[in-house]
Amino acid sequence: MELDGLVDDWDVWSESEDKLVLVYRPDVFDSEQFPAPCLPTIYLTRGKRTRRPGAERLGEDWYVTLSVEPEVTRDAETYGDRAAAVRGAVDLANAFAAGEVDYRSLYQVPREAYLDELDRLTGRA
């Protein structure tokens, strides 16, 4: 299986030939404890992700992007093929779950209560 080694904190949200979406702890980010849009998400896409309707984004390269909130994302890592990108996504997911990803640096205006809870969940607290 291509997602061997993925820690249990992450779930596959969707998967297609050109995209894989992993989500972190959907049991916590369920709109009751925390707003669902704050669900940490890793996107693996063929071509860069874009929000512009109709934009052609498919290309040869694969991108792995971490989103902590809709407008708060980490710069994408680029890979030459899907297998390498999946390994990169699994490595990023595991590092995030272990508290090794500095998501606080992605914010211009940090939301302390939310980030404190992420710290607790990832063992950084």
C-alpha atoms as a PDB file:
ATOM      1  CA  MET A   1       0.000   0.000   0.000  1.00  0.00           C
ATOM      2  CA  GLU A   2       1.350   3.421  -0.900  1.00  0.00           C
ATOM      3  CA  LEU A   3       0.404   4.977   2.457  1.00  0.00           C
ATOM      4  CA  ASP A   4       2.340   2.472   4.589  1.00  0.00           C
ATOM      5  CA  GLY A   5       3.728   4.129   7.676  1.00  0.00           C
ATOM      6  CA  LEU A   6       1.090   6.875   7.909  1.00  0.00           C
ATOM      7  CA  VAL A   7       0.345   7.503  11.593  1.00  0.00           C
ATOM      8  CA  ASP A   8      -3.215   6.921  12.805  1.00  0.00           C
ATOM      9  CA  ASP A   9      -3.799  10.637  13.501  1.00  0.00           C
ATOM     10  CA  TRP A  10      -4.233  11.211   9.753  1.00  0.00           C
ATOM     11  CA  ASP A  11      -7.126   9.930   7.612  1.00  0.00           C
ATOM     12  CA  VAL A  12      -7.488   9.724   3.854  1.00  0.00           C
ATOM     13  CA  TRP A  13     -10.247  12.218   3.026  1.00  0.00           C
ATOM     14  CA  SER A  14     -10.231  11.611  -0.704  1.00  0.00           C
ATOM     15  CA  GLU A  15      -8.059  10.040  -3.358  1.00  0.00           C
ATOM     16  CA  SER A  16      -8.012  10.086  -7.129  1.00  0.00           C
ATOM     17  CA  GLU A  17      -5.444   9.567  -9.854  1.00  0.00           C
ATOM     18  CA  ASP A  18      -4.279  13.197  -9.667  1.00  0.00           C
ATOM     19  CA  LYS A  19      -4.976  14.064  -6.019  1.00  0.00           C
ATOM     20  CA  LEU A  20      -4.746  12.754  -2.453  1.00  0.00           C
ATOM     21  CA  VAL A  21      -6.144  14.600   0.560  1.00  0.00           C
ATOM     22  CA  LEU A  22      -5.128  13.699   4.123  1.00  0.00           C
ATOM     23  CA  VAL A  23      -6.799  15.247   7.179  1.00  0.00           C
ATOM     24  CA  TYR A  24      -5.539  15.456  10.754  1.00  0.00           C
ATOM     25  CA  ARG A  25      -7.717  14.338  13.644  1.00  0.00           C
ATOM     26  CA  PRO A  26     -11.184  14.861  12.124  1.00  0.00           C
ATOM     27  CA  ASP A  27     -12.514  13.638  15.493  1.00  0.00           C
ATOM     28  CA  VAL A  28     -11.272  16.916  17.034  1.00  0.00           C
ATOM     29  CA  PHE A  29     -11.852  19.366  14.174  1.00  0.00           C
ATOM     30  CA  ASP A  30     -15.536  18.476  13.953  1.00  0.00           C
ATOM     31  CA  SER A  31     -17.080  21.973  14.179  1.00  0.00           C
ATOM     32  CA  GLU A  32     -17.989  21.408  17.836  1.00  0.00           C
ATOM     33  CA  GLN A  33     -14.572  21.399  19.526  1.00  0.00           C
ATOM     34  CA  PHE A  34     -12.871  23.380  16.746  1.00  0.00           C
ATOM     35  CA  PRO A  35     -14.165  24.893  13.522  1.00  0.00           C
ATOM     36  CA  ALA A  36     -14.114  22.391  10.661  1.00  0.00           C
ATOM     37  CA  PRO A  37     -12.290  24.858   8.334  1.00  0.00           C
ATOM     38  CA  CYS A  38      -9.320  24.654  10.738  1.00  0.00           C
ATOM     39  CA  LEU A  39      -8.879  20.956   9.968  1.00  0.00           C
ATOM     40  CA  PRO A  40      -5.161  20.540   9.168  1.00  0.00           C
ATOM     41  CA  THR A  41      -4.983  19.100   5.662  1.00  0.00           C
ATOM     42  CA  ILE A  42      -2.255  17.794   3.385  1.00  0.00           C
ATOM     43  CA  TYR A  43      -2.956  18.056  -0.331  1.00  0.00           C
ATOM     44  CA  LEU A  44      -0.990  15.988  -2.806  1.00  0.00           C
ATOM     45  CA  THR A  45      -1.776  17.219  -6.312  1.00  0.00           C
ATOM     46  CA  ARG A  46      -0.473  16.782  -9.802  1.00  0.00           C
ATOM     47  CA  GLY A  47       0.231  20.385 -10.654  1.00  0.00           C
ATOM     48  CA  LYS A  48      -0.071  23.331  -8.305  1.00  0.00           C
ATOM     49  CA  ARG A  49      -3.279  23.878  -6.375  1.00  0.00           C
ATOM     50  CA  THR A  50      -5.180  26.962  -7.418  1.00  0.00           C
ATOM     51  CA  ARG A  51      -8.471  28.498  -6.432  1.00  0.00           C
ATOM     52  CA  ARG A  52      -8.993  30.224  -9.756  1.00  0.00           C
ATOM     53  CA  PRO A  53     -11.926  28.618 -11.551  1.00  0.00           C
ATOM     54  CA  GLY A  54     -11.001  27.057 -14.851  1.00  0.00           C
ATOM     55  CA  ALA A  55      -7.255  27.426 -14.300  1.00  0.00           C
ATOM     56  CA  GLU A  56      -5.230  24.632 -15.882  1.00  0.00           C
ATOM     57  CA  ARG A  57      -3.058  23.219 -13.138  1.00  0.00           C
ATOM     58  CA  LEU A  58      -2.116  19.760 -14.333  1.00  0.00           C
ATOM     59  CA  GLY A  59       1.539  19.326 -15.094  1.00  0.00           C
ATOM     60  CA  GLU A  60       4.312  16.822 -14.734  1.00  0.00           C
ATOM     61  CA  ASP A  61       5.311  17.749 -11.179  1.00  0.00           C
ATOM     62  CA  TRP A  62       3.559  16.643  -7.994  1.00  0.00           C
ATOM     63  CA  TYR A  63       3.050  19.029  -5.067  1.00  0.00           C
ATOM     64  CA  VAL A  64       2.545  18.364  -1.365  1.00  0.00           C
ATOM     65  CA  THR A  65       0.989  21.269   0.541  1.00  0.00           C
ATOM     66  CA  LEU A  66       0.055  21.533   4.226  1.00  0.00           C
ATOM     67  CA  SER A  67      -2.904  23.771   5.064  1.00  0.00           C
ATOM     68  CA  VAL A  68      -3.569  24.625   8.709  1.00  0.00           C
ATOM     69  CA  GLU A  69      -6.527  26.848   7.830  1.00  0.00           C
ATOM     70  CA  PRO A  70      -8.014  27.911   4.474  1.00  0.00           C
ATOM     71  CA  GLU A  71      -5.646  30.882   4.069  1.00  0.00           C
ATOM     72  CA  VAL A  72      -2.725  29.513   6.095  1.00  0.00           C
ATOM     73  CA  THR A  73      -0.532  27.123   4.145  1.00  0.00           C
ATOM     74  CA  ARG A  74       3.037  25.944   4.068  1.00  0.00           C
ATOM     75  CA  ASP A  75       4.991  26.307   0.823  1.00  0.00           C
ATOM     76  CA  ALA A  76       4.496  23.237  -1.325  1.00  0.00           C
ATOM     77  CA  GLU A  77       7.193  20.629  -1.732  1.00  0.00           C
ATOM     78  CA  THR A  78       7.704  19.478  -5.324  1.00  0.00           C
ATOM     79  CA  TYR A  79       8.265  15.883  -6.478  1.00  0.00           C
ATOM     80  CA  GLY A  80       8.902  14.331  -9.872  1.00  0.00           C
ATOM     81  CA  ASP A  81       6.429  11.448  -9.566  1.00  0.00           C
ATOM     82  CA  ARG A  82       3.429  10.351  -7.533  1.00  0.00           C
ATOM     83  CA  ALA A  83       5.259   7.655  -5.539  1.00  0.00           C
ATOM     84  CA  ALA A  84       7.855  10.155  -4.282  1.00  0.00           C
ATOM     85  CA  ALA A  85       5.098  12.681  -3.508  1.00  0.00           C
ATOM     86  CA  VAL A  86       3.161  10.103  -1.488  1.00  0.00           C
ATOM     87  CA  ARG A  87       6.301   9.307   0.509  1.00  0.00           C
ATOM     88  CA  GLY A  88       6.773  13.055   1.039  1.00  0.00           C
ATOM     89  CA  ALA A  89       3.145  13.468   2.157  1.00  0.00           C
ATOM     90  CA  VAL A  90       3.460  10.564   4.624  1.00  0.00           C
ATOM     91  CA  ASP A  91       6.732  11.979   5.987  1.00  0.00           C
ATOM     92  CA  LEU A  92       5.136  15.431   6.392  1.00  0.00           C
ATOM     93  CA  ALA A  93       2.035  13.969   8.068  1.00  0.00           C
ATOM     94  CA  ASN A  94       4.136  11.954  10.504  1.00  0.00           C
ATOM     95  CA  ALA A  95       6.375  14.932  11.292  1.00  0.00           C
ATOM     96  CA  PHE A  96       3.275  17.087  11.906  1.00  0.00           C
ATOM     97  CA  ALA A  97       1.738  14.495  14.228  1.00  0.00           C
ATOM     98  CA  ALA A  98       5.033  14.254  16.137  1.00  0.00           C
ATOM     99  CA  GLY A  99       5.126  18.033  16.683  1.00  0.00           C
ATOM    100  CA  GLU A 100       8.076  18.541  14.321  1.00  0.00           C
ATOM    101  CA  VAL A 101       6.385  21.011  11.939  1.00  0.00           C
ATOM    102  CA  ASP A 102       6.521  24.699  12.898  1.00  0.00           C
ATOM    103  CA  TYR A 103       2.967  25.644  11.878  1.00  0.00           C
ATOM    104  CA  ARG A 104       3.050  28.747  14.115  1.00  0.00           C
ATOM    105  CA  SER A 105       5.510  30.384  11.709  1.00  0.00           C
ATOM    106  CA  LEU A 106       2.854  30.247   8.958  1.00  0.00           C
ATOM    107  CA  TYR A 107       0.684  32.841  10.731  1.00  0.00           C
ATOM    108  CA  GLN A 108       0.868  36.600  10.394  1.00  0.00           C
ATOM    109  CA  VAL A 109      -1.698  36.950  13.191  1.00  0.00           C
ATOM    110  CA  PRO A 110      -1.633  33.817  15.357  1.00  0.00           C
ATOM    111  CA  ARG A 111      -4.783  32.442  16.940  1.00  0.00           C
ATOM    112  CA  GLU A 112      -3.337  31.408  20.269  1.00  0.00           C
ATOM    113  CA  ALA A 113      -6.112  29.142  21.617  1.00  0.00           C
ATOM    114  CA  TYR A 114      -6.213  27.146  18.379  1.00  0.00           C
ATOM    115  CA  LEU A 115      -2.425  26.889  18.161  1.00  0.00           C
ATOM    116  CA  ASP A 116      -2.173  25.900  21.826  1.00  0.00           C
ATOM    117  CA  GLU A 117      -4.569  23.017  21.133  1.00  0.00           C
ATOM    118  CA  LEU A 118      -2.530  21.957  18.082  1.00  0.00           C
ATOM    119  CA  ASP A 119       0.540  22.018  20.318  1.00  0.00           C
ATOM    120  CA  ARG A 120      -1.230  19.778  22.791  1.00  0.00           C
ATOM    121  CA  LEU A 121      -2.428  17.338  20.131  1.00  0.00           C
ATOM    122  CA  THR A 122       1.005  17.074  18.511  1.00  0.00           C
ATOM    123  CA  GLY A 123       2.944  16.789  21.760  1.00  0.00           C
ATOM    124  CA  ARG A 124       4.603  20.220  21.473  1.00  0.00           C
ATOM    125  CA  ALA A 125       2.953  21.569  24.644  1.00  0.00           C
END
